[in-house]
Every structure is written in structure tokens, then in C-alpha cells.
Protein backbone atom coordinates (compact mmCIF):
# COMPACT_ATOMS: atom_id res chain seq x y z
CA MET A 1 0.00 0.00 0.00
CA ASN A 2 3.07 2.22 0.20
CA LEU A 3 2.09 3.74 3.54
CA SER A 4 4.52 6.07 5.33
CA GLY A 5 4.78 7.92 8.63
CA THR A 6 4.55 6.41 12.11
CA ILE A 7 2.17 3.98 13.80
CA ASP A 8 -0.81 5.82 15.31
CA ALA A 9 -1.73 3.23 17.92
CA ASP A 10 -4.12 5.63 19.69
CA SER A 11 -6.41 5.74 16.64
CA LEU A 12 -6.09 2.05 15.81
CA CYS A 13 -6.85 0.94 19.36
CA ARG A 14 -10.10 2.91 19.35
CA LEU A 15 -11.41 0.03 17.21
CA GLN A 16 -12.37 -2.02 20.25
CA ASN A 17 -12.76 -5.31 18.33
CA LEU A 18 -9.54 -4.96 16.31
CA ARG A 19 -7.80 -8.34 16.13
CA VAL A 20 -5.52 -8.21 13.08
CA VAL A 21 -3.06 -5.45 12.11
CA ASN A 22 -1.08 -6.07 8.90
CA LEU A 23 1.22 -3.19 7.92
CA ALA A 24 3.81 -5.33 6.13
CA LYS A 25 5.96 -4.03 3.26
CA ASN A 26 5.48 -0.30 3.71
CA ASN A 27 7.68 2.66 4.58
CA ILE A 28 6.66 3.10 8.23
CA LYS A 29 9.30 4.59 10.54
CA GLY A 30 9.73 5.24 14.26
CA THR A 31 9.06 2.76 17.03
CA ILE A 32 6.20 0.57 18.18
CA PRO A 33 4.34 2.98 20.51
CA HIS A 34 3.67 2.01 24.10
CA SER A 35 -0.05 2.73 23.58
CA ILE A 36 -0.30 -0.49 21.50
CA LEU A 37 -1.20 -2.13 24.82
CA HIS A 38 -4.68 -0.58 24.46
CA CYS A 39 -5.38 -2.93 21.50
CA THR A 40 -6.39 -5.53 24.06
CA ARG A 41 -7.98 -7.98 21.59
CA LEU A 42 -5.13 -8.00 19.09
CA THR A 43 -4.21 -11.53 17.92
CA HIS A 44 -1.99 -10.90 14.86
CA LEU A 45 0.55 -8.09 14.40
CA ASN A 46 2.57 -8.07 11.15
CA LEU A 47 5.12 -5.25 10.79
CA THR A 48 7.62 -6.99 8.52
CA SER A 49 9.64 -5.08 5.90
CA ASN A 50 9.36 -1.51 7.19
CA GLN A 51 11.89 0.95 8.65
CA LEU A 52 10.94 0.59 12.30
CA SER A 53 13.69 0.87 14.90
CA GLY A 54 14.42 1.14 18.61
CA ARG A 55 13.77 -1.35 21.36
CA LEU A 56 10.73 -3.60 21.54
CA PRO A 57 8.27 -2.02 23.99
CA HIS A 58 7.36 -3.93 27.10
CA ALA A 59 3.73 -3.15 26.20
CA LEU A 60 3.77 -6.05 23.71
CA THR A 61 4.01 -8.51 26.58
CA LYS A 62 0.74 -7.10 27.96
CA LEU A 63 -1.28 -8.23 24.91
CA ARG A 64 -2.72 -11.43 26.35
CA HIS A 65 -4.44 -12.52 23.11
CA LEU A 66 -1.47 -11.92 20.78
CA ARG A 67 -0.76 -15.16 18.86
CA ASN A 68 1.41 -14.09 15.93
CA LEU A 69 4.06 -11.34 15.91
CA ASP A 70 6.25 -10.66 12.86
CA ILE A 71 8.77 -7.79 13.11
CA SER A 72 11.31 -9.16 10.62
CA ASN A 73 13.24 -6.96 8.16
CA ASN A 74 13.34 -3.83 10.32
CA ASN A 75 16.00 -2.09 12.41
CA PHE A 76 15.00 -3.10 15.93
CA SER A 77 17.80 -3.42 18.49
CA GLY A 78 18.27 -4.58 22.07
CA MET A 79 17.36 -7.83 23.75
CA ILE A 80 14.70 -10.36 22.75
CA PRO A 81 12.26 -10.86 25.62
CA SER A 82 12.13 -14.32 27.15
CA LYS A 83 9.58 -16.96 26.29
CA GLN A 84 7.94 -16.48 29.70
CA GLN A 85 7.07 -12.87 28.80
CA TYR A 86 5.24 -13.91 25.60
CA ARG A 87 3.23 -16.84 26.89
CA SER A 88 0.36 -16.37 24.44
CA LEU A 89 2.48 -16.32 21.25
CA PHE A 90 2.44 -19.21 18.78
CA THR A 91 4.69 -17.51 16.21
CA TYR A 92 7.34 -14.85 16.81
CA VAL A 93 9.50 -13.84 13.81
CA THR A 94 12.38 -11.40 14.36
CA SER A 95 14.79 -12.08 11.48
CA SER A 96 16.86 -9.30 9.85
CA ASN A 97 17.06 -7.04 12.90
CA LYS A 98 19.80 -6.23 15.42
CA LEU A 99 18.29 -8.17 18.28
CA GLU A 100 20.15 -10.40 20.74
CA LEU A 101 19.13 -13.06 23.22
CA GLU A 102 19.57 -12.17 26.88
CA SER A 103 22.27 -14.25 28.58
CA ASN A 104 19.73 -15.76 30.94
CA ASN A 105 17.07 -16.09 28.28
CA SER A 106 16.04 -19.72 28.09
CA ALA A 107 15.56 -21.03 24.56
CA LYS A 108 13.19 -23.67 25.79
CA GLY A 109 9.95 -23.39 23.84
CA TRP A 110 11.59 -21.24 21.09
CA LEU A 111 12.97 -22.49 17.79
CA ILE A 112 16.01 -20.28 17.01
CA LYS A 113 17.62 -20.21 13.55
CA GLU A 114 20.70 -18.05 13.02
CA SER A 115 20.96 -16.40 9.62
CA ASP A 116 23.95 -14.16 10.37
CA THR A 117 25.65 -12.50 13.34
CA ASN A 118 23.05 -9.74 13.62
CA THR A 119 19.90 -11.53 12.53
CA MET A 120 17.92 -14.43 13.80
CA GLN A 121 14.49 -15.89 13.45
CA GLN A 122 12.69 -17.37 16.39
CA GLU A 123 9.40 -19.13 16.43
CA THR A 124 7.36 -20.92 19.01
CA THR A 125 5.60 -24.20 18.47
CA ASP A 126 1.86 -24.34 18.88
CA PRO A 127 1.29 -26.51 21.96
CA ASN A 128 -1.94 -27.79 20.45
CA SER A 129 -0.50 -28.76 17.09
CA GLY A 130 2.17 -31.07 15.78
CA ASN A 131 3.15 -28.64 13.04
CA ASN A 132 4.18 -25.16 14.16
CA ASN A 133 3.55 -23.70 10.69
CA ARG A 134 0.02 -25.00 10.50
CA SER A 135 -2.91 -22.88 11.67
CA SER A 136 -6.48 -23.96 12.26
CA PRO A 137 -9.07 -23.11 9.56
CA GLN A 138 -10.79 -20.75 12.00
CA THR A 139 -7.54 -18.88 12.64
CA LEU A 140 -6.84 -18.58 8.92
CA LEU A 141 -10.37 -17.33 8.25
CA VAL A 142 -10.09 -14.70 11.00
CA LEU A 143 -6.68 -13.68 9.67
CA VAL A 144 -7.91 -13.30 6.07
CA LEU A 145 -11.11 -11.44 6.97
CA GLY A 146 -9.34 -9.23 9.47
CA THR A 147 -6.63 -8.37 6.96
CA LEU A 148 -9.20 -7.50 4.28
CA LEU A 149 -11.16 -5.27 6.67
CA LEU A 150 -7.99 -3.55 7.81
CA LEU A 151 -6.87 -2.97 4.22
CA VAL A 152 -10.23 -1.40 3.35
CA PHE A 153 -10.08 0.80 6.46
CA LEU A 154 -6.51 1.91 5.80
CA TYR A 155 -7.30 2.60 2.13
CA LEU A 156 -10.25 4.84 3.03
CA LEU A 157 -8.21 6.54 5.75
CA ALA A 158 -5.30 7.12 3.35
CA LYS A 159 -7.67 8.68 0.78
CA LYS A 160 -9.13 11.00 3.42
CA ILE A 161 -5.68 12.01 4.64
CA ALA A 162 -4.47 12.62 1.08
CA LYS A 163 -7.50 14.79 0.32
CA PHE A 164 -7.03 16.68 3.58
CA ASP A 165 -3.34 17.34 2.82
CA ALA A 166 -4.17 18.55 -0.68
CA GLU A 167 -6.81 20.96 0.63
CA ARG A 168 -4.49 22.24 3.35
CA LYS A 169 -1.78 22.94 0.77
CA ALA A 170 -4.29 24.78 -1.38
CA VAL A 171 -5.33 26.89 1.60
CA LYS A 172 -1.74 27.82 2.41
CA ASP A 173 -1.15 28.87 -1.18
CA GLN A 174 -4.13 31.24 -1.13
CA ASN A 175 -3.96 33.44 1.96
CA HIS A 176 -6.64 36.07 2.69
CA VAL A 177 -9.18 34.72 0.21
CA SER A 178 -12.87 34.07 0.83
CA PRO A 179 -13.57 30.56 2.20
CA ILE A 180 -16.02 30.01 -0.63
CA LYS A 181 -13.34 30.81 -3.22
CA LYS A 182 -10.92 28.48 -1.49
CA ALA A 183 -13.45 25.71 -1.43
CA THR A 184 -14.78 25.93 -4.97
CA ASP A 185 -12.36 28.12 -6.92
CA LEU A 186 -15.34 29.35 -8.95
CA GLU A 187 -16.45 32.80 -10.02
CA VAL A 188 -19.49 34.39 -8.38
CA GLN A 189 -21.75 33.63 -11.33
CA GLU A 190 -20.72 29.96 -11.36
CA VAL A 191 -21.38 29.57 -7.64
CA LYS A 192 -24.87 31.01 -7.96
CA LEU A 193 -25.76 28.74 -10.88
CA LYS A 194 -24.33 25.52 -9.45
CA GLU A 195 -27.08 22.96 -8.91
CA GLY A 196 -27.93 22.35 -5.25
CA ASP A 197 -26.30 25.54 -3.97
CA SER A 198 -28.27 28.10 -2.02
CA GLU A 199 -28.08 31.70 -0.98
CA LEU A 200 -27.26 32.66 2.58
CA VAL A 201 -29.91 32.00 5.24
CA PHE A 202 -29.89 34.34 8.25
CA PHE A 203 -31.21 34.20 11.83
CA VAL A 204 -30.51 37.89 12.59
CA GLU A 205 -32.12 41.23 11.83
CA ASP A 206 -31.84 42.83 8.39
CA ARG A 207 -29.19 45.34 9.46
CA GLU A 208 -26.74 42.48 10.19
CA ARG A 209 -27.33 40.62 6.93
CA PHE A 210 -25.13 40.60 3.84
CA THR A 211 -25.13 38.95 0.44
CA LEU A 212 -23.29 35.96 -0.94
CA GLU A 213 -21.30 38.37 -3.13
CA ASP A 214 -20.22 40.26 0.01
CA LEU A 215 -18.89 37.02 1.45
CA LEU A 216 -17.12 36.14 -1.78
CA ARG A 217 -15.33 39.51 -1.77
CA ALA A 218 -14.37 39.22 1.91
CA THR A 219 -10.86 38.41 3.10
CA ALA A 220 -10.44 35.38 5.33
CA ASP A 221 -7.70 34.20 7.66
CA LEU A 222 -7.56 30.47 8.29
CA ARG A 223 -7.57 29.90 12.06
CA SER A 224 -7.84 26.11 12.31
CA GLU A 225 -8.64 23.06 10.23
CA SER A 226 -9.35 19.36 10.66
CA PHE A 227 -10.46 16.41 8.54
CA CYS A 228 -14.04 17.62 8.37
CA SER A 229 -13.91 21.39 8.87
CA SER A 230 -12.01 24.65 8.58
CA LEU A 231 -12.50 27.82 10.63
CA TYR A 232 -11.94 31.29 9.15
CA LYS A 233 -11.91 34.80 10.55
CA VAL A 234 -13.74 36.73 7.83
CA LYS A 235 -13.59 40.49 7.34
CA LEU A 236 -16.25 42.05 5.12
CA GLU A 237 -15.65 45.24 3.16
CA ASN A 238 -17.53 47.22 5.85
CA ASN A 239 -14.86 46.06 8.39
CA VAL A 240 -17.27 43.79 10.28
CA HIS A 241 -15.76 40.47 11.39
CA TYR A 242 -17.39 37.04 11.48
CA ALA A 243 -16.27 33.50 12.23
CA VAL A 244 -17.13 31.14 9.37
CA LYS A 245 -17.05 27.39 9.85
CA ARG A 246 -16.69 25.43 6.62
CA LEU A 247 -17.93 21.83 6.87
CA LYS A 248 -17.28 19.12 4.30
CA ASN A 249 -18.02 15.44 3.69
CA LEU A 250 -21.06 15.46 5.97
CA GLN A 251 -23.52 12.58 6.06
CA VAL A 252 -26.59 14.82 6.14
CA SER A 253 -29.15 16.07 3.63
CA LEU A 254 -29.59 19.75 2.82
CA GLU A 255 -33.04 19.70 4.44
CA GLU A 256 -31.87 18.07 7.68
CA PHE A 257 -28.90 20.44 7.89
CA GLY A 258 -31.08 23.53 7.58
CA GLU A 259 -33.76 22.23 9.96
CA THR A 260 -31.18 21.36 12.65
CA LEU A 261 -29.59 24.82 12.45
CA ARG A 262 -33.01 26.46 12.71
CA LYS A 263 -33.63 24.54 15.95
CA ILE A 264 -30.20 25.50 17.31
CA SER A 265 -30.76 29.16 16.40
CA ASN A 266 -33.86 29.21 18.62
CA LEU A 267 -31.69 28.67 21.71
CA LYS A 268 -31.14 32.25 22.85
CA HIS A 269 -28.86 32.45 25.89
CA GLN A 270 -26.00 34.73 26.93
CA ASN A 271 -23.64 31.75 27.30
CA ILE A 272 -24.39 30.19 23.89
CA LEU A 273 -22.80 31.70 20.78
CA PRO A 274 -25.65 32.83 18.53
CA LEU A 275 -25.89 31.69 14.93
CA VAL A 276 -25.80 34.49 12.37
CA GLY A 277 -26.64 32.31 9.39
CA TYR A 278 -25.58 29.51 7.09
CA ARG A 279 -25.13 28.45 3.50
CA SER A 280 -25.97 24.89 2.47
CA ALA A 281 -24.55 23.45 -0.75
CA SER A 282 -24.27 19.92 -2.08
CA GLU A 283 -20.53 19.51 -1.46
CA GLU A 284 -19.94 21.75 1.55
CA LYS A 285 -21.71 23.89 4.08
CA LEU A 286 -20.87 27.19 5.80
CA ILE A 287 -21.99 28.27 9.27
CA ILE A 288 -21.59 31.94 10.25
CA TYR A 289 -21.07 33.09 13.86
CA ARG A 290 -20.37 36.43 15.49
CA TYR A 291 -16.63 36.82 15.94
CA GLN A 292 -15.35 36.87 19.54
CA SER A 293 -12.19 38.99 19.78
CA ASN A 294 -11.09 37.71 23.21
CA GLY A 295 -10.28 34.27 21.88
CA SER A 296 -11.05 30.97 23.59
CA LEU A 297 -10.57 29.32 26.96
CA LEU A 298 -7.87 27.20 25.30
CA ASN A 299 -5.90 30.36 24.42
CA LEU A 300 -6.26 31.65 27.98
CA LEU A 301 -5.20 28.34 29.54
CA ASN A 302 -2.16 27.98 27.29
CA ASP A 303 -1.10 31.60 27.91
CA TYR A 304 -1.45 31.03 31.66
CA VAL A 305 0.60 27.82 31.57
CA ALA A 306 3.31 29.65 29.60
CA GLY A 307 3.32 32.51 32.14
CA ARG A 308 2.03 35.09 29.64
CA LYS A 309 -1.29 35.83 31.38
CA TYR A 310 -2.72 35.92 34.88
CA PHE A 311 -5.77 33.68 35.44
CA PRO A 312 -7.36 34.64 38.78
CA TRP A 313 -9.74 32.42 40.70
CA LYS A 314 -12.77 34.71 40.30
CA LEU A 315 -12.48 34.54 36.50
CA ARG A 316 -12.12 30.75 36.62
CA LEU A 317 -15.21 30.44 38.80
CA ASN A 318 -17.18 32.77 36.53
CA ILE A 319 -16.17 30.79 33.42
CA ALA A 320 -17.14 27.48 35.05
CA CYS A 321 -20.52 28.88 36.07
CA GLY A 322 -21.14 30.40 32.63
CA ILE A 323 -20.43 27.11 30.85
CA ALA A 324 -22.72 25.29 33.30
CA ARG A 325 -25.50 27.83 32.64
CA GLY A 326 -25.20 27.38 28.89
CA LEU A 327 -25.21 23.58 29.14
CA ALA A 328 -28.18 23.56 31.51
CA PHE A 329 -30.11 25.73 29.05
CA ILE A 330 -29.29 23.38 26.15
CA TYR A 331 -30.81 20.46 28.06
CA LYS A 332 -33.74 22.37 29.57
CA LYS A 333 -36.91 21.23 27.86
CA LEU A 334 -39.32 24.15 27.56
CA ASP A 335 -42.14 22.07 26.05
CA ASP A 336 -42.87 18.42 25.20
CA ASN A 337 -42.30 18.95 21.47
CA GLN A 338 -38.83 20.44 21.86
CA GLU A 339 -35.97 18.30 20.53
CA ILE A 340 -32.85 18.31 22.70
CA ILE A 341 -29.70 18.56 20.56
CA PRO A 342 -26.52 17.61 22.49
CA HIS A 343 -23.32 19.55 21.97
CA GLY A 344 -21.14 16.49 21.41
CA ASN A 345 -17.73 18.20 21.23
CA LEU A 346 -17.31 20.36 24.32
CA LYS A 347 -13.68 21.45 24.82
CA PRO A 348 -11.76 24.65 25.70
CA SER A 349 -11.32 25.70 22.06
CA ASN A 350 -15.13 25.70 21.74
CA ILE A 351 -15.55 27.92 24.81
CA LEU A 352 -15.12 31.49 23.54
CA LEU A 353 -14.81 34.65 25.64
CA ASP A 354 -16.79 37.80 24.82
CA GLU A 355 -15.68 41.38 25.45
CA ASN A 356 -16.54 41.00 29.17
CA ASN A 357 -14.75 37.63 29.45
CA GLU A 358 -18.10 35.88 29.72
CA PRO A 359 -17.88 32.34 28.30
CA VAL A 360 -19.99 31.45 25.28
CA ILE A 361 -20.37 27.88 24.02
CA SER A 362 -19.71 27.57 20.28
CA GLU A 363 -20.28 24.82 17.69
CA HIS A 364 -23.32 23.50 19.51
CA GLY A 365 -24.86 20.52 17.71
CA LEU A 366 -22.34 20.17 14.88
CA SER A 367 -21.40 16.66 16.03
CA LYS A 368 -24.85 15.57 14.88
CA PHE A 369 -23.70 15.97 11.28
CA LEU A 370 -20.69 13.60 11.55
CA ASP A 371 -20.73 10.05 10.25
CA PRO A 372 -21.04 7.89 13.43
CA ASN A 373 -18.76 5.24 11.89
CA THR A 374 -15.83 7.66 11.60
CA SER A 375 -16.64 10.28 14.24
CA PHE A 376 -13.95 8.86 16.54
CA LEU A 377 -11.36 10.28 14.12
CA PHE A 378 -12.61 13.79 14.89
CA SER A 379 -13.33 13.42 18.62
CA SER A 380 -11.37 15.50 21.07
CA HIS A 381 -8.71 13.47 22.86
CA GLY A 382 -9.07 13.74 26.62
CA TYR A 383 -12.56 15.27 26.64
CA THR A 384 -14.62 12.40 25.22
CA ALA A 385 -16.48 10.14 27.66
CA PRO A 386 -15.44 6.45 27.76
CA GLU A 387 -18.73 5.37 26.16
CA LYS A 388 -18.19 7.93 23.35
CA SER A 389 -21.84 8.93 23.39
CA ILE A 390 -23.27 12.19 22.05
CA THR A 391 -25.66 12.69 24.97
CA GLU A 392 -26.13 14.89 28.02
CA LYS A 393 -23.99 12.49 30.07
CA GLY A 394 -21.26 12.70 27.42
CA ASP A 395 -21.30 16.51 27.59
CA VAL A 396 -21.23 16.34 31.40
CA TYR A 397 -18.03 14.27 31.21
CA SER A 398 -16.44 16.86 28.89
CA PHE A 399 -17.46 19.66 31.25
CA GLY A 400 -15.90 17.76 34.15
CA VAL A 401 -12.55 17.62 32.35
CA ILE A 402 -12.71 21.37 31.60
CA LEU A 403 -13.50 22.04 35.27
CA LEU A 404 -10.45 19.96 36.26
CA GLU A 405 -8.32 22.08 33.91
CA LEU A 406 -9.57 25.25 35.62
CA LEU A 407 -8.76 23.81 39.07
CA THR A 408 -5.38 22.27 38.25
CA GLY A 409 -4.10 24.93 35.85
CA LYS A 410 -3.13 22.15 33.45
CA SER A 411 -3.94 22.25 29.75
CA ILE A 412 -4.47 18.81 28.21
CA GLU A 413 -3.20 20.18 24.90
CA VAL A 414 0.13 21.05 26.58
CA SER A 415 0.54 18.23 29.11
CA ARG A 416 -1.06 15.45 27.02
CA ILE A 417 -2.09 13.61 30.18
CA ASP A 418 -5.26 11.77 31.12
CA LEU A 419 -6.29 14.50 33.54
CA ALA A 420 -9.24 12.66 35.07
CA LYS A 421 -7.08 9.60 35.76
CA TRP A 422 -4.29 11.73 37.25
CA VAL A 423 -6.64 13.59 39.61
CA ARG A 424 -8.27 10.33 40.74
CA SER A 425 -4.86 8.85 41.55
CA MET A 426 -3.86 11.96 43.55
CA VAL A 427 -7.09 11.84 45.54
CA ARG A 428 -6.72 8.12 46.12
CA GLU A 429 -3.21 8.62 47.48
CA GLU A 430 -4.54 11.38 49.78
CA TRP A 431 -2.68 14.15 47.95
CA THR A 432 -5.90 16.00 47.16
CA GLY A 433 -4.54 19.43 48.10
CA GLU A 434 -1.69 19.03 45.62
CA VAL A 435 -4.17 18.69 42.76
CA PHE A 436 -4.90 22.42 42.71
CA ASP A 437 -2.93 24.97 40.75
CA LYS A 438 -0.68 27.25 42.81
CA GLU A 439 -3.01 30.24 42.39
CA VAL A 440 -5.99 28.19 43.58
CA ARG A 441 -4.19 26.35 46.38
CA VAL A 442 -2.74 29.47 48.01
CA ASN A 443 -5.70 31.83 47.69
CA GLU A 444 -9.00 30.05 47.19
CA HIS A 445 -8.67 26.38 48.14
CA GLN A 446 -11.75 26.46 50.39
CA TRP A 447 -13.92 27.13 47.32
CA ALA A 448 -12.02 24.71 45.11
CA PHE A 449 -12.80 21.55 47.11
CA PRO A 450 -16.58 21.58 46.41
CA LEU A 451 -15.86 22.22 42.72
CA LEU A 452 -13.41 19.30 42.70
CA ASN A 453 -16.15 17.06 44.08
CA ILE A 454 -18.44 18.20 41.25
CA ALA A 455 -15.73 17.57 38.64
CA LEU A 456 -15.01 14.05 39.94
CA LEU A 457 -18.70 13.18 39.72
CA CYS A 458 -18.80 14.50 36.15
CA VAL A 459 -15.83 12.36 35.00
CA SER A 460 -17.15 9.15 36.52
CA ARG A 461 -16.45 6.15 34.26
CA PHE A 462 -20.09 5.14 34.64
CA GLN A 463 -22.49 7.58 33.03
CA GLU A 464 -25.33 6.71 35.42
CA ASN A 465 -23.21 8.15 38.26
CA ARG A 466 -22.77 11.52 36.57
CA PRO A 467 -25.03 14.42 37.58
CA THR A 468 -27.36 16.24 35.21
CA THR A 469 -26.49 19.67 33.84
CA GLY A 470 -29.16 21.18 36.09
CA GLU A 471 -27.64 19.60 39.21
CA ILE A 472 -24.18 20.84 38.20
CA LEU A 473 -25.43 24.41 37.78
CA GLU A 474 -27.19 24.37 41.14
CA LYS A 475 -24.02 23.30 42.98
CA ILE A 476 -21.71 25.74 41.19
CA GLU A 477 -24.09 28.68 41.73
CA GLN A 478 -24.14 27.78 45.43
CA VAL A 479 -20.33 28.00 45.52
CA MET A 480 -20.48 31.34 43.66
CA ASP A 481 -23.02 32.78 46.12
CA GLU A 482 -20.93 31.73 49.13
CA HIS A 483 -17.79 33.16 47.52
CA GLU A 484 -19.47 36.52 46.83
CA GLN A 485 -20.82 36.70 50.39
CA HIS A 486 -17.33 35.99 51.71
CA GLU A 487 -15.88 38.82 49.58
CA GLU A 488 -18.54 41.23 50.82
CA ARG A 489 -17.79 40.34 54.45
CA PHE A 490 -14.05 40.72 53.78
CA ALA A 491 -14.58 44.15 52.19
CA SER A 492 -16.75 45.30 55.11
CA LYS A 493 -14.14 44.16 57.62
CA CYS A 494 -11.38 46.04 55.78
CA CYS A 495 -13.39 49.24 55.78
CA SER A 496 -14.48 48.92 59.42
CA ASP A 497 -10.81 48.56 60.42
CA GLY A 498 -10.08 51.95 58.83
CA SER A 499 -8.01 50.49 56.01
CA ASN A 500 -7.96 51.95 52.55
CA ARG A 501 -10.70 50.01 50.75
CA ASP A 502 -9.01 49.78 47.34
CA GLU A 503 -5.68 48.78 48.86
CA CYS A 504 -7.21 46.21 51.23
CA CYS A 505 -9.48 44.56 48.70
CA SER A 506 -6.73 44.17 46.13
CA LEU A 507 -4.26 42.35 48.38
CA HIS A 508 -5.51 38.88 47.41
CA LYS A 509 -4.79 39.62 43.72
CA ILE A 510 -1.06 40.16 44.22
CA ILE A 511 1.35 37.28 43.51
CA PRO A 512 4.51 37.67 45.66
CA GLU A 513 7.77 37.14 43.82
CA THR A 514 8.64 34.30 46.22
CA TRP A 515 5.85 32.16 44.76
CA ASP A 516 6.16 30.03 41.65
CA SER A 517 5.03 31.62 38.41
CA PRO A 518 1.47 30.88 37.28
CA GLY A 519 1.03 27.45 35.76
CA SER A 520 4.48 26.25 36.82
CA ASN A 521 3.39 23.65 39.35
CA TYR A 522 3.82 20.63 37.10
């Protein structure tokens, strides 16, 4: 298949029933990643004739169902693990590498054939068969079917990646051009006449509306892109800015797309980013939002971790409460006929900040348009619930992870850790106080503990144990009320003592130079 790059075990292992991986005779480099241990049902792994190198990961010995392992014709080095470590293997081929047997490695149970000083082939005999090269018909059938399914999957994935790379290159070659021009490369007249295309549909008053020609003449800066979408900051000729989301390859009809957006546009709330309008065409679709100049929670978190911005507790608490209010409104049923549309992709980059630093939830409901068979490719690592469901409980899990980021000062994008797992382990080892970020731990820990309890409930592995969005909002608003009452009492005490009010009430905002810098407690 002439595949190149490295092994993305994280994506492969999301296929929970994956049993056969055959990547033989390609141009794959790097090492076998440790995360291969998450492919718990893997029975056959064929990596022969690539350019893999390094030491064999200990994770391979954790695959209890692995029967056949072929790593021949690569550049692996180090010691060959003992037979006792690979008890499940029937066949283990390592020829044409730079591997050596450990001095205390018993050869009992292995058939070792030397081909030269640096290469060897070792196989195990099947304890249930008299011929170690003979497999049962069932095993052969599983191997053939699994290989065919994997080849089809990899072929489709390679086509999608190739198309994505081509589009990204085209975007980079055409800076500051309308997203419609980038997508179609057609003149205005051709766009209007193309079968299945439509004019812009708006959900705002006439004074905010504009024409398709206005959008075509606009300049656009690409802000982000993925397999299924691109986000642009668009500037019209009247100097008004919008955020335009371009969606492609969606498994949804034009009618369903428009009807879903109409339902989403009816959700009017200060913590939900309002829809301006959309354009629905046969090959792609555009969604238009009001542009938020203060960026996203992800930007704020990353700047805080890098020491570029201060992220005080009061702002964190306000952001957490604002997100909870928006989520609770999404799942609040106003009448029996109302359809609840889950968010499905809640993460810091989708939490925008308005001019008053109030959080607004963006991209609500767009996950509904993704193909469920491939949506795992576009899910947000670290924020998706274990059951991978697009439901209220799934959104509650995502909110719990965001709340943990606010409390710990850690950005998953920077640290790349399983934050929920890390916090659970700290609590279990009775290091709960060390979970909090330095700013939280020193100044506001008494308010952080109840929020930590809420977050841990939200990230429960079992969705039935997670609270509803309404219950979350009730608890966070209670913490906010108590915090505000405490500040009022503190301010009154300062003034009654004859202290300068401004000076006294600003003391808790100062970070002494003797403390660690914000976000440094890793």
C-alpha cells in the first residue's frame, strides 16, 4: 500500500474489536508505541519489511491474546524478551534485525535459527498442534477477513488524509481569500448557478445581513482546520468580522442540515454563541457566527501555563458557572415537542470569551452531522467520555474535564495527560490538596474543594453516576453565592478597620515574587 509515517496506535486501538493489524511491506518509521497495549484484543501483528527501529516495547508482553508477531526486516535493536514474557504467542519472527538473546534467556519453547551475526528468526511451536507452521481453519479465516477489513479501512483513511493534505496545501497557497473561493475556486456567477447551492440563510435582523457576493469579496484568515472542517476569521468590506465554519463530507441532507440549524438558532442564551446564518450546498456547508475577539478558553489556559497571562480564581469560577448555565439551558426542555440537541464536542477551544470575558459555548450541535462510523477520528482526545456517546452524560463528562483544567491549571493540549485519571490517583493517594494549581491552592482552596467534588462526579467512568447539567449548575451557583458573600464580608471588615478600601481589597490579587510563576506547578 506504500504507507509512510509512524504507527498511530491511539487511533487504531479505538477500534475495540480490532484483532488483526497487517502493515507489512510499507515505509513506516519510528518505534512501536507504548499505547499499542490498548489494543487488548489483538491476535496478529505483522510489521515486517518496514523501517521501524528502537527497542521492543514492554507493552507487547501485555497483549494477552497476541498469537502471531512478525517484526522481521526492520532495524529493531536490544534484547529479545524471554519466552515467559510472551506466553500467548504461537509464532514470533524477528529475522533481519539487530536483536540479541539475553544471557539468561532460556531457549526452551523457542525455535532459534541463526541467519547471520546480527539476525535471527525465532518461532514458538503451537502446543496444540504437531506442526508449528500450520494454523487452524478458524484462525486462517479470522486472519484473512481481518486483513481485508484492515486494508479497506486503511485505504479509506489514506484517501481521506491525502485529500485533507491537498486541501491544506491549497489553503496555504491562497492566503486572505474568501472561504467560498478556497473551497470551490469558482467565479461568483458559477457559484450562484451551481445545482444544489443556495443563498445565505440568516437568523438575525436585516441590518446584520449581507449577500453571498459580500462574502465572496471578503478576506479570510484560516484559524484552524481538521479532517471535516475549517474555521476562518472573515472580514467584510464594511470592516465587520465574522467567524465562518466550513464543513465538508457530511452525512446529512440539505433539508436536515437547515432544519437542525433552525432549531439550534432558537436557543437564545447569553452563554451560547448565537448563529448568524448559514449556506448549504451539495458539497460543503458554511456556518456563520459572530466573531469573539477575546479568543477561547484554550488560548487563555495555554497563555497562563506559559506565564504570559494571569488567570485569577474569580475569572475561573465565573467561566465554570457560565459554561454550566449554557449547558443547563441546552438540556432544559421548555415544552414536550422540543428536541434536545446535544453539543457532542465540548472542549476549551469551543468555549469562547466575549468582550466581558463571559464564556460562550460555540459549535453546539455540529457533532450531529458527523458520520457515526468515523466520528472517533474527529473526537477530542481527553474530553470524550469512555462510552463515546453524544448525549447529556457525554457533555457532562467533557465539562468535568474542563473544570479539572480550571482547578489544576493544566492544559491537556500542553501536558497530554489523562487529567481525570491523574486527579483520581492523587485523591486516592490522599494528595488531594496538591491537585490544585498554585493560584488556587494558596488563595482560594476552600472554594475549590466543592468544585473538585463536582468535577469528579462528572468524570465518573459510569455515566449513570454523573449528575445532570441542572444539578451541576445548582451546585456551582451555590459556591459562587458563598464566595461573593465571603468577599462582601471581607470588604466590610477592611473598611471597618479603617483600612484603605481599594488597597485592602486588592491584596488577594497580588502574587509575591517568592511564589512560583502561574502554571508552573507541574
